[in-house]
Amino acid sequence: MEITTQVIKKNGKNEFVVLPYEEFQKIQEELVSYEDLRCLRKAKMVEKDAPTIGIAQLKKIITKDHRAKGRLRDHTPIQTDKTTAMPELIRN
């Protein structure tokens, strides 16, 4: 990233830097991305030895949990009635 700056001196020492607002916004975005990356890396280090499960096992757990709570009764496909935009069960 190329930055265009103007340095303002006070008593012969660099005191302030002026830069275009658009470049300032880009720098802010980069800093936020960098902070996100630091947080992600830290979280990965903290959780590196945590037990994990595969996606297939996760799907089984979710399906079992939803069935137990009555949220998922069967795998009946649903389609939208184009005239009313309301979902309807597909009848075979």
Protein backbone atom coordinates (compact mmCIF):
# COMPACT_ATOMS: atom_id res chain seq x y z
CA MET A 1 0.00 0.00 0.00
CA GLU A 2 1.43 3.35 -1.00
CA ILE A 3 0.77 6.21 1.41
CA THR A 4 0.96 9.90 0.57
CA THR A 5 1.85 11.91 3.66
CA GLN A 6 2.83 15.39 4.69
CA VAL A 7 4.96 15.78 7.83
CA ILE A 8 4.45 18.88 9.98
CA LYS A 9 7.36 19.86 12.19
CA LYS A 10 7.36 21.74 15.45
CA ASN A 11 10.64 23.14 16.82
CA GLY A 12 12.51 21.21 14.14
CA LYS A 13 11.01 17.82 15.15
CA ASN A 14 8.36 15.76 13.40
CA GLU A 15 5.10 16.51 15.22
CA PHE A 16 2.17 15.52 12.96
CA VAL A 17 1.46 13.56 9.80
CA VAL A 18 -1.29 14.54 7.40
CA LEU A 19 -2.61 12.05 4.90
CA PRO A 20 -5.60 11.85 2.56
CA TYR A 21 -8.75 10.63 4.30
CA GLU A 22 -9.17 7.74 1.83
CA GLU A 23 -5.71 6.44 2.74
CA PHE A 24 -6.51 6.88 6.44
CA GLN A 25 -9.60 4.68 5.97
CA LYS A 26 -7.53 2.02 4.21
CA ILE A 27 -5.06 2.01 7.09
CA GLN A 28 -7.90 1.64 9.60
CA GLU A 29 -9.32 -1.31 7.62
CA GLU A 30 -5.89 -2.96 7.55
CA LEU A 31 -5.52 -2.50 11.31
CA VAL A 32 -8.91 -4.08 11.95
CA SER A 33 -8.01 -7.01 9.69
CA TYR A 34 -4.69 -7.41 11.48
CA GLU A 35 -6.40 -7.38 14.88
CA ASP A 36 -8.89 -10.00 13.66
CA LEU A 37 -5.99 -12.14 12.47
CA ARG A 38 -4.23 -11.80 15.84
CA CYS A 39 -7.41 -12.84 17.68
CA LEU A 40 -7.87 -15.82 15.36
CA ARG A 41 -4.29 -16.96 15.86
CA LYS A 42 -4.62 -16.62 19.63
CA ALA A 43 -7.87 -18.60 19.64
CA LYS A 44 -6.28 -21.33 17.53
CA MET A 45 -3.37 -21.58 19.96
CA VAL A 46 -5.70 -21.78 22.97
CA GLU A 47 -7.85 -24.45 21.30
CA LYS A 48 -5.10 -26.41 19.55
CA ASP A 49 -5.43 -29.41 21.89
CA ALA A 50 -9.21 -29.23 22.30
CA PRO A 51 -11.16 -32.33 21.27
CA THR A 52 -12.82 -32.09 17.86
CA ILE A 53 -15.45 -33.96 15.87
CA GLY A 54 -15.95 -34.33 12.14
CA ILE A 55 -18.76 -32.74 10.13
CA ALA A 56 -20.60 -36.07 9.76
CA GLN A 57 -20.70 -36.53 13.55
CA LEU A 58 -21.81 -32.91 14.01
CA LYS A 59 -24.71 -33.42 11.58
CA LYS A 60 -25.81 -36.50 13.54
CA ILE A 61 -25.75 -34.55 16.80
CA ILE A 62 -27.69 -31.63 15.35
CA THR A 63 -30.29 -33.90 13.75
CA LYS A 64 -30.69 -35.89 16.95
CA ASP A 65 -31.02 -32.69 19.02
CA HIS A 66 -33.66 -31.18 16.70
CA ARG A 67 -35.68 -34.39 16.65
CA ALA A 68 -35.55 -34.58 20.45
CA LYS A 69 -36.88 -31.02 20.67
CA GLY A 70 -39.57 -31.68 18.07
CA ARG A 71 -38.08 -29.31 15.52
CA LEU A 72 -37.23 -31.90 12.91
CA ARG A 73 -39.86 -34.57 12.44
CA ASP A 74 -38.94 -36.09 9.10
CA HIS A 75 -37.15 -35.31 5.89
CA THR A 76 -40.23 -34.35 3.88
CA PRO A 77 -39.12 -31.95 1.15
CA ILE A 78 -40.67 -28.49 1.12
CA GLN A 79 -41.33 -26.30 -1.88
CA THR A 80 -42.76 -22.81 -2.21
CA ASP A 81 -46.16 -22.24 -3.81
CA LYS A 82 -45.32 -19.58 -6.41
CA THR A 83 -48.82 -18.06 -6.30
CA THR A 84 -48.82 -17.43 -2.55
CA ALA A 85 -45.08 -17.56 -1.76
CA MET A 86 -45.96 -19.88 1.13
CA PRO A 87 -44.07 -23.13 1.73
CA GLU A 88 -46.06 -26.30 1.18
CA LEU A 89 -45.16 -29.93 1.67
CA ILE A 90 -44.56 -31.84 -1.52
CA ARG A 91 -47.20 -34.52 -1.82
CA ASN A 92 -46.24 -37.70 -3.69
